Amino acid sequence: MDSKKFSPHLNSNTESQPQHVEQIPNRSTSNRLVSSHLIPPVTTNRTHNDTSTDELNKNISSDYQDIQIRTLTKWINVQLSQVDEHIDSIDKDLKNGKKLLKLLSVVSKNTSALKPERGNMRIHELSNVALALKFLQDEWGADSLPAIGSEAIVNGDVKSTLAITFFIMLKYQIHPILLDNPEFNTKKSKQDNLQVPPPSPLPSVSASRGGGKPMAEAKLALLYWVRTQLEDYVSNHIITTIQDFSRSWRSGLAFCLLIHRHDPDLIPALFTDHIQHASEKETWNTLLTLAFEIADEQLNIPKYLEPADLINVDYPHEPSVMMYVSEMYKVMSQQQQKQQSDSSTLQKRLQDIALVSPLVEQSIVVPDKTDKHQDITHQDITPPDSTTTPDDEEEEEDEELPSTPQP
């Protein structure tokens, strides 16, 4: 057992990792925070001619399929609850196309164009799924739609069903974040340059036939929002700069601080009772459980994730974390816009931050690292029917963040 100085960061990024360094300028002028961190190696993209299907299927490896099925099923049921529907099995309950059309009608707010066939024969099921795919093609363009046929969905193919439902979630849950942040397209700052290190390739975030760049920008817009929210905590050395939607969230502290930033009264004992002397993963479990329960009970944010989804893997599934954080964005940004003139929340937050500084000098005992290092390609498995060589890969374009506004 090694002992090290307690830093409330509880950040798993400090573990021994491959020597791949990304420079991420820090807004804080303090020398106590480093401006770069060791991060997992980036699995580079294949050529820009890759299909969306390849990009989507890379995330559906056996190691993460169970997590993705669980999180997507919960997301689908949250949407379907608006029309008193639900599913139990993502592959079986969507195969006839009726609930797939119902899901699309809810998220797109278009019911007139998504009427299912009345019959229950296979030909009717194929027609329903074809209608859903045609609707998505008309909405988002043929180039961005995964190359999945109706037969695969009707046959109950798990990967194909996950790919198309994940595409729906990305387009209707993540993409609107970019529309909410128009300054992201108009304001660019060299000082706040960001090179995103994706620990798990996000479907359609990297290069795909048509929708790659908008989705990459939507991802950056969400990361920009997170950094804006946590700026005070970073400058006061409570947490390091959030670099991704994977390992940066393992400890649970980022989730807790987003809640604290939104309303300190929702999590008043964070710095006194919940950051405690315990083994690292015990503390992570405490913070993750706390954040998910408060978000569910007080903010009506569904429990898409379980603590084990982040603790029991070296690299949490980035798209699933993005799904959860996007729900936090949706709830918090709306409420914060209504409360812009309220200074009491800001005052309480700054008081709590000022009181946490003595904790920085405490110690915490962390267990020896026993987990074997998991190569990031475990989350980037190319489908069995396709091949990848190093010559097929190329670096992602550097993306920039606009200047972070002062709170």
Protein backbone atom coordinates (compact mmCIF):
# COMPACT_ATOMS: atom_id res chain seq x y z
CA MET A 1 0.00 0.00 0.00
CA ASP A 2 1.40 3.31 -1.05
CA SER A 3 0.53 6.58 0.61
CA LYS A 4 0.35 9.85 -1.25
CA LYS A 5 -0.77 13.38 -0.58
CA PHE A 6 -4.51 13.76 -0.76
CA SER A 7 -5.67 15.81 -3.68
CA PRO A 8 -9.43 16.00 -3.98
CA HIS A 9 -8.96 15.33 -7.70
CA LEU A 10 -9.27 11.56 -7.10
CA ASN A 11 -8.37 11.42 -10.74
CA SER A 12 -7.57 8.08 -12.30
CA ASN A 13 -5.63 9.81 -15.08
CA THR A 14 -2.62 9.89 -12.77
CA GLU A 15 -2.10 6.13 -13.04
CA SER A 16 0.78 4.80 -15.04
CA GLN A 17 -0.14 5.02 -18.69
CA PRO A 18 1.53 4.98 -22.10
CA GLN A 19 3.65 8.04 -22.75
CA HIS A 20 1.23 9.84 -25.01
CA VAL A 21 0.93 13.49 -24.05
CA GLU A 22 -1.55 16.06 -25.25
CA GLN A 23 -0.99 19.73 -24.45
CA ILE A 24 -4.18 21.25 -23.06
CA PRO A 25 -3.73 24.87 -22.02
CA ASN A 26 -5.19 25.62 -18.60
CA ARG A 27 -7.12 28.78 -17.82
CA SER A 28 -5.66 28.91 -14.31
CA THR A 29 -2.46 30.93 -14.01
CA SER A 30 -1.38 28.98 -10.95
CA ASN A 31 1.73 26.87 -11.26
CA ARG A 32 0.23 24.23 -9.00
CA LEU A 33 -1.77 22.77 -11.87
CA VAL A 34 0.01 21.18 -14.77
CA SER A 35 -1.08 22.17 -18.25
CA SER A 36 -0.69 18.71 -19.72
CA HIS A 37 -1.52 15.24 -18.55
CA LEU A 38 -0.62 11.72 -19.51
CA ILE A 39 -3.62 10.35 -21.31
CA PRO A 40 -4.43 7.03 -22.98
CA PRO A 41 -3.13 6.61 -26.50
CA VAL A 42 -5.51 7.83 -29.16
CA THR A 43 -6.66 5.23 -31.63
CA THR A 44 -6.52 7.21 -34.83
CA ASN A 45 -9.29 7.14 -37.39
CA ARG A 46 -9.27 5.40 -40.68
CA THR A 47 -9.67 7.43 -43.84
CA HIS A 48 -12.40 10.00 -44.27
CA ASN A 49 -14.08 7.57 -46.68
CA ASP A 50 -15.01 5.24 -43.80
CA THR A 51 -18.70 4.49 -43.59
CA SER A 52 -20.78 5.49 -40.60
CA THR A 53 -21.41 1.80 -40.00
CA ASP A 54 -17.71 1.19 -39.35
CA GLU A 55 -17.56 4.11 -36.96
CA LEU A 56 -20.65 2.98 -35.07
CA ASN A 57 -19.69 -0.67 -34.87
CA LYS A 58 -16.27 0.18 -33.40
CA ASN A 59 -18.06 1.01 -30.16
CA ILE A 60 -20.01 -2.23 -30.01
CA SER A 61 -17.26 -4.56 -28.85
CA SER A 62 -18.12 -7.49 -26.61
CA ASP A 63 -16.45 -5.81 -23.61
CA TYR A 64 -18.83 -2.85 -23.71
CA GLN A 65 -21.92 -4.23 -25.41
CA ASP A 66 -23.67 -5.03 -22.13
CA ILE A 67 -23.14 -1.48 -20.86
CA GLN A 68 -24.36 -0.04 -24.14
CA ILE A 69 -27.45 -2.25 -24.21
CA ARG A 70 -28.33 -1.24 -20.66
CA THR A 71 -27.78 2.49 -21.11
CA LEU A 72 -29.53 2.66 -24.48
CA THR A 73 -32.48 0.62 -23.19
CA LYS A 74 -32.88 3.08 -20.31
CA TRP A 75 -32.64 6.04 -22.68
CA ILE A 76 -35.21 4.56 -25.05
CA ASN A 77 -37.61 3.85 -22.18
CA VAL A 78 -37.29 7.42 -20.91
CA GLN A 79 -38.34 8.66 -24.35
CA LEU A 80 -41.12 6.09 -24.78
CA SER A 81 -42.52 6.84 -21.34
CA GLN A 82 -43.86 10.06 -22.84
CA VAL A 83 -46.33 7.96 -24.84
CA ASP A 84 -46.84 5.20 -22.23
CA GLU A 85 -44.65 2.68 -24.03
CA HIS A 86 -41.54 0.75 -23.02
CA ILE A 87 -39.21 -2.02 -24.16
CA ASP A 88 -37.63 -4.91 -22.29
CA SER A 89 -35.21 -6.13 -24.96
CA ILE A 90 -33.60 -3.69 -27.36
CA ASP A 91 -33.17 -6.25 -30.15
CA LYS A 92 -36.47 -8.12 -29.78
CA ASP A 93 -38.82 -5.24 -29.02
CA LEU A 94 -37.63 -3.00 -31.87
CA LYS A 95 -37.45 -5.65 -34.59
CA ASN A 96 -41.04 -5.23 -35.86
CA GLY A 97 -40.39 -1.51 -36.35
CA LYS A 98 -43.45 -0.29 -34.45
CA LYS A 99 -41.66 0.93 -31.33
CA LEU A 100 -38.74 2.12 -33.42
CA LEU A 101 -41.19 4.40 -35.25
CA LYS A 102 -42.72 5.40 -31.93
CA LEU A 103 -39.26 6.33 -30.60
CA LEU A 104 -38.57 8.44 -33.68
CA SER A 105 -41.93 10.19 -33.41
CA VAL A 106 -41.14 11.17 -29.81
CA VAL A 107 -37.59 12.46 -30.31
CA SER A 108 -38.33 14.17 -33.63
CA LYS A 109 -41.76 15.45 -32.56
CA ASN A 110 -43.12 14.24 -35.88
CA THR A 111 -46.01 11.81 -35.63
CA SER A 112 -47.72 12.27 -38.98
CA ALA A 113 -44.91 10.78 -41.07
CA LEU A 114 -44.22 7.77 -38.86
CA LYS A 115 -47.36 5.65 -38.93
CA PRO A 116 -46.65 1.88 -38.73
CA GLU A 117 -48.31 -0.83 -40.78
CA ARG A 118 -51.32 -2.46 -39.15
CA GLY A 119 -50.29 -6.02 -40.00
CA ASN A 120 -47.87 -8.24 -38.10
CA MET A 121 -46.35 -10.24 -40.94
CA ARG A 122 -42.67 -10.01 -41.81
CA ILE A 123 -43.43 -7.86 -44.84
CA HIS A 124 -45.10 -5.35 -42.53
CA GLU A 125 -42.13 -5.39 -40.16
CA LEU A 126 -39.74 -4.74 -43.04
CA SER A 127 -41.94 -1.88 -44.20
CA ASN A 128 -41.96 -0.31 -40.73
CA VAL A 129 -38.18 -0.45 -40.38
CA ALA A 130 -37.70 0.83 -43.93
CA LEU A 131 -39.94 3.79 -43.09
CA ALA A 132 -37.82 4.56 -40.02
CA LEU A 133 -34.59 4.40 -42.01
CA LYS A 134 -36.07 6.54 -44.80
CA PHE A 135 -37.16 9.15 -42.24
CA LEU A 136 -33.64 9.31 -40.77
CA GLN A 137 -32.15 9.56 -44.26
CA ASP A 138 -34.42 12.48 -45.11
CA GLU A 139 -33.70 14.20 -41.78
CA TRP A 140 -29.92 13.80 -41.65
CA GLY A 141 -28.79 12.85 -45.13
CA ALA A 142 -27.94 9.50 -46.64
CA ASP A 143 -24.22 10.00 -46.11
CA SER A 144 -24.52 10.19 -42.33
CA LEU A 145 -26.91 7.25 -41.92
CA PRO A 146 -25.34 3.89 -40.98
CA ALA A 147 -25.44 1.44 -43.88
CA ILE A 148 -27.84 -0.95 -42.17
CA GLY A 149 -30.62 -2.74 -44.01
CA SER A 150 -34.13 -3.34 -42.76
CA GLU A 151 -33.52 -7.09 -42.73
CA ALA A 152 -30.81 -6.84 -40.08
CA ILE A 153 -33.13 -5.02 -37.67
CA VAL A 154 -36.07 -7.35 -38.35
CA ASN A 155 -33.79 -10.36 -37.87
CA GLY A 156 -32.89 -9.06 -34.40
CA ASP A 157 -29.22 -8.44 -35.11
CA VAL A 158 -27.94 -6.87 -31.88
CA LYS A 159 -25.09 -4.84 -33.36
CA SER A 160 -27.23 -3.39 -36.12
CA THR A 161 -30.03 -2.52 -33.70
CA LEU A 162 -27.58 -0.89 -31.31
CA ALA A 163 -25.99 1.03 -34.18
CA ILE A 164 -29.25 2.53 -35.43
CA THR A 165 -30.63 3.35 -31.96
CA PHE A 166 -27.29 4.84 -30.99
CA PHE A 167 -27.38 6.96 -34.14
CA ILE A 168 -30.83 8.22 -33.10
CA MET A 169 -29.57 9.07 -29.61
CA LEU A 170 -26.56 10.95 -30.97
CA LYS A 171 -28.57 12.98 -33.45
CA TYR A 172 -31.44 13.90 -31.15
CA GLN A 173 -29.65 14.01 -27.78
CA ILE A 174 -26.09 15.16 -28.45
CA HIS A 175 -26.30 17.17 -31.67
CA PRO A 176 -28.76 19.79 -30.28
CA ILE A 177 -26.04 20.88 -27.85
CA LEU A 178 -24.18 22.41 -30.79
CA LEU A 179 -27.31 24.29 -31.82
CA ASP A 180 -27.61 25.64 -28.28
CA ASN A 181 -24.07 27.03 -28.46
CA PRO A 182 -23.83 29.09 -31.68
CA GLU A 183 -20.78 30.90 -30.30
CA PHE A 184 -18.91 27.65 -30.76
CA ASN A 185 -18.90 28.23 -34.51
CA THR A 186 -18.15 31.95 -34.35
CA LYS A 187 -15.64 32.31 -31.51
CA LYS A 188 -12.27 30.64 -31.70
CA SER A 189 -9.40 31.27 -29.31
CA LYS A 190 -5.83 30.14 -29.76
CA GLN A 191 -5.36 30.45 -26.03
CA ASP A 192 -8.03 27.86 -25.31
CA ASN A 193 -7.03 25.42 -28.01
CA LEU A 194 -8.24 21.90 -27.28
CA GLN A 195 -7.11 18.66 -28.77
CA VAL A 196 -9.66 16.10 -27.67
CA PRO A 197 -8.20 12.72 -26.72
CA PRO A 198 -11.07 10.27 -27.31
CA PRO A 199 -10.39 7.16 -25.17
CA SER A 200 -13.15 5.37 -27.06
CA PRO A 201 -14.00 6.44 -30.60
CA LEU A 202 -17.41 8.07 -30.62
CA PRO A 203 -19.61 7.06 -33.54
CA SER A 204 -19.93 9.86 -36.07
CA VAL A 205 -17.78 12.12 -33.89
CA SER A 206 -14.71 11.19 -35.84
CA ALA A 207 -14.66 11.14 -39.60
CA SER A 208 -17.72 9.62 -41.21
CA ARG A 209 -19.22 10.15 -44.61
CA GLY A 210 -21.25 13.24 -43.82
CA GLY A 211 -22.01 13.86 -40.17
CA GLY A 212 -18.58 13.52 -38.64
CA LYS A 213 -17.58 17.16 -38.26
CA PRO A 214 -20.90 18.41 -36.82
CA MET A 215 -20.92 15.59 -34.29
CA ALA A 216 -17.28 16.22 -33.36
CA GLU A 217 -18.17 19.85 -32.76
CA ALA A 218 -21.18 18.82 -30.67
CA LYS A 219 -18.89 16.71 -28.53
CA LEU A 220 -16.53 19.65 -28.10
CA ALA A 221 -19.46 21.92 -27.25
CA LEU A 222 -20.46 19.56 -24.43
CA LEU A 223 -16.86 19.43 -23.19
CA TYR A 224 -16.69 23.22 -23.39
CA TRP A 225 -19.82 23.46 -21.22
CA VAL A 226 -18.33 21.06 -18.65
CA ARG A 227 -15.11 23.08 -18.45
CA THR A 228 -17.06 26.30 -18.09
CA GLN A 229 -19.06 24.83 -15.23
CA LEU A 230 -16.01 23.50 -13.39
CA GLU A 231 -13.66 26.44 -13.99
CA ASP A 232 -13.70 27.63 -10.35
CA TYR A 233 -12.97 24.13 -9.08
CA VAL A 234 -10.04 23.72 -11.46
CA SER A 235 -8.52 27.08 -10.53
CA ASN A 236 -8.80 26.15 -6.84
CA HIS A 237 -7.10 22.78 -7.39
CA ILE A 238 -10.12 20.68 -6.46
CA ILE A 239 -10.16 18.85 -9.78
CA THR A 240 -7.95 18.77 -12.83
CA THR A 241 -9.19 19.94 -16.21
CA ILE A 242 -11.67 17.50 -17.73
CA GLN A 243 -10.03 16.05 -20.82
CA ASP A 244 -12.49 13.45 -22.08
CA PHE A 245 -15.74 11.62 -21.40
CA SER A 246 -14.09 8.48 -20.10
CA ARG A 247 -11.33 8.33 -17.48
CA SER A 248 -11.91 11.89 -16.28
CA TRP A 249 -15.25 10.73 -14.85
CA ARG A 250 -14.23 7.47 -13.14
CA SER A 251 -13.86 8.92 -9.65
CA GLY A 252 -17.32 10.49 -9.59
CA LEU A 253 -15.94 13.85 -8.49
CA ALA A 254 -16.73 15.57 -11.79
CA PHE A 255 -20.37 14.50 -11.56
CA CYS A 256 -20.58 15.71 -7.95
CA LEU A 257 -18.98 19.06 -8.76
CA LEU A 258 -21.37 19.68 -11.64
CA ILE A 259 -24.23 19.22 -9.17
CA HIS A 260 -22.50 21.41 -6.58
CA ARG A 261 -21.88 24.10 -9.16
CA HIS A 262 -25.53 23.98 -10.20
CA ASP A 263 -26.92 24.08 -6.64
CA PRO A 264 -24.59 23.69 -3.62
CA ASP A 265 -27.57 22.97 -1.37
CA LEU A 266 -28.21 19.71 -3.22
CA ILE A 267 -24.87 18.29 -2.08
CA PRO A 268 -23.91 20.28 1.04
CA ALA A 269 -21.63 17.71 2.68
CA LEU A 270 -19.55 16.90 -0.39
CA PHE A 271 -16.28 18.27 0.96
CA THR A 272 -16.80 17.22 4.58
CA ASP A 273 -18.46 13.82 4.59
CA HIS A 274 -18.10 12.25 1.17
CA ILE A 275 -14.46 12.85 0.28
CA GLN A 276 -13.03 10.66 2.98
CA HIS A 277 -10.12 8.45 3.94
CA ALA A 278 -10.83 5.25 2.09
CA SER A 279 -9.42 3.12 -0.66
CA GLU A 280 -9.55 4.88 -4.00
CA LYS A 281 -12.30 2.77 -5.54
CA GLU A 282 -14.38 2.86 -2.37
CA THR A 283 -14.34 6.64 -2.57
CA TRP A 284 -15.17 6.52 -6.26
CA ASN A 285 -18.18 4.31 -5.55
CA THR A 286 -19.34 6.69 -2.80
CA LEU A 287 -19.13 9.74 -5.05
CA LEU A 288 -20.69 8.07 -8.08
CA THR A 289 -23.57 6.69 -6.03
CA LEU A 290 -24.10 10.08 -4.42
CA ALA A 291 -24.10 11.94 -7.74
CA PHE A 292 -26.43 9.54 -9.53
CA GLU A 293 -28.92 9.41 -6.65
CA ILE A 294 -29.06 13.19 -6.19
CA ALA A 295 -29.34 13.77 -9.94
CA ASP A 296 -32.18 11.25 -10.14
CA GLU A 297 -34.12 12.39 -7.06
CA GLN A 298 -33.55 16.15 -7.21
CA LEU A 299 -32.97 16.92 -10.89
CA ASN A 300 -34.97 14.14 -12.54
CA ILE A 301 -31.92 12.92 -14.46
CA PRO A 302 -32.38 9.19 -15.16
CA LYS A 303 -29.81 6.72 -13.86
CA TYR A 304 -28.44 5.73 -17.24
CA LEU A 305 -25.15 4.73 -15.60
CA GLU A 306 -24.25 2.58 -12.61
CA PRO A 307 -21.08 3.13 -10.53
CA ALA A 308 -19.75 -0.23 -11.75
CA ASP A 309 -19.91 0.99 -15.35
CA LEU A 310 -17.11 3.44 -14.55
CA ILE A 311 -15.23 1.67 -11.76
CA ASN A 312 -14.93 -1.84 -13.18
CA VAL A 313 -13.32 -0.84 -16.48
CA ASP A 314 -10.09 0.99 -17.18
CA TYR A 315 -11.76 3.15 -19.79
CA PRO A 316 -15.46 3.89 -19.21
CA HIS A 317 -17.54 3.78 -22.36
CA GLU A 318 -17.29 7.34 -23.63
CA PRO A 319 -20.57 7.55 -25.59
CA SER A 320 -22.54 6.30 -22.57
CA VAL A 321 -20.88 8.89 -20.33
CA MET A 322 -21.64 11.55 -22.94
CA MET A 323 -25.28 10.48 -22.92
CA TYR A 324 -25.47 10.99 -19.15
CA VAL A 325 -23.58 14.30 -19.15
CA SER A 326 -25.81 15.57 -21.96
CA GLU A 327 -28.81 14.95 -19.68
CA MET A 328 -27.09 17.01 -16.99
CA TYR A 329 -26.49 19.73 -19.57
CA LYS A 330 -30.13 19.70 -20.67
CA VAL A 331 -31.49 20.05 -17.13
CA MET A 332 -28.86 22.39 -15.70
CA SER A 333 -28.51 24.78 -18.62
CA GLN A 334 -32.26 25.37 -18.74
CA GLN A 335 -32.49 26.07 -15.02
CA GLN A 336 -29.37 28.24 -14.99
CA GLN A 337 -30.75 30.43 -17.77
CA LYS A 338 -33.80 31.10 -15.62
CA GLN A 339 -31.67 31.92 -12.56
CA GLN A 340 -29.02 34.19 -14.10
CA SER A 341 -29.88 37.07 -11.78
CA ASP A 342 -29.67 34.95 -8.62
CA SER A 343 -26.33 35.60 -6.89
CA SER A 344 -27.00 33.44 -3.81
CA THR A 345 -25.99 30.22 -5.58
CA LEU A 346 -22.71 31.76 -6.71
CA GLN A 347 -21.97 33.07 -3.22
CA LYS A 348 -22.68 29.71 -1.58
CA ARG A 349 -20.56 27.89 -4.15
CA LEU A 350 -17.57 30.18 -3.64
CA GLN A 351 -17.88 29.83 0.15
CA ASP A 352 -17.76 26.04 -0.12
CA ILE A 353 -14.76 26.21 -2.45
CA ALA A 354 -12.92 28.45 0.01
CA LEU A 355 -13.55 25.98 2.83
CA VAL A 356 -12.23 22.98 0.93
CA SER A 357 -8.61 24.21 0.74
CA PRO A 358 -7.55 22.57 4.06
CA LEU A 359 -8.45 19.18 2.56
CA VAL A 360 -5.69 19.56 0.02
CA GLU A 361 -3.10 18.99 2.73
CA GLN A 362 -4.70 15.77 4.02
CA SER A 363 -3.57 12.33 3.01
CA ILE A 364 -5.41 9.48 1.43
CA VAL A 365 -4.28 5.88 1.17
CA VAL A 366 -4.77 4.35 -2.22
CA PRO A 367 -4.44 0.66 -3.06
CA ASP A 368 -1.62 -0.71 -5.14
CA LYS A 369 -2.54 -0.80 -8.79
CA THR A 370 -3.57 -4.37 -9.48
CA ASP A 371 -5.65 -4.00 -12.61
CA LYS A 372 -3.86 -4.92 -15.76
CA HIS A 373 -3.52 -2.06 -18.19
CA GLN A 374 -6.32 -2.34 -20.71
CA ASP A 375 -5.39 -1.25 -24.20
CA ILE A 376 -7.75 1.35 -25.53
CA THR A 377 -8.41 -0.69 -28.64
CA HIS A 378 -10.67 -2.89 -26.50
CA GLN A 379 -13.22 -0.15 -27.10
CA ASP A 380 -12.31 0.20 -30.74
CA ILE A 381 -12.83 -3.23 -32.23
CA THR A 382 -13.32 -3.23 -35.97
CA PRO A 383 -16.21 -5.43 -37.16
CA PRO A 384 -15.14 -8.99 -38.08
CA ASP A 385 -15.89 -8.44 -41.76
CA SER A 386 -13.56 -5.46 -42.13
CA THR A 387 -9.83 -5.03 -41.83
CA THR A 388 -7.67 -2.23 -40.57
CA THR A 389 -4.00 -1.54 -41.16
CA PRO A 390 -1.82 1.27 -39.85
CA ASP A 391 -1.74 2.72 -43.36
CA ASP A 392 -5.51 3.21 -43.19
CA GLU A 393 -5.31 5.52 -40.19
CA GLU A 394 -4.86 9.26 -39.97
CA GLU A 395 -4.84 11.82 -37.21
CA GLU A 396 -7.97 13.74 -36.27
CA GLU A 397 -8.06 17.45 -36.96
CA ASP A 398 -7.25 19.67 -34.03
CA GLU A 399 -10.36 21.37 -32.67
CA GLU A 400 -10.51 24.65 -30.83
CA LEU A 401 -12.70 25.83 -28.02
CA PRO A 402 -14.02 29.37 -27.77
CA SER A 403 -12.92 31.48 -24.85
CA THR A 404 -14.50 30.34 -21.61
CA PRO A 405 -16.77 33.04 -20.16
CA GLN A 406 -16.25 34.15 -16.60
CA PRO A 407 -18.88 32.80 -14.19
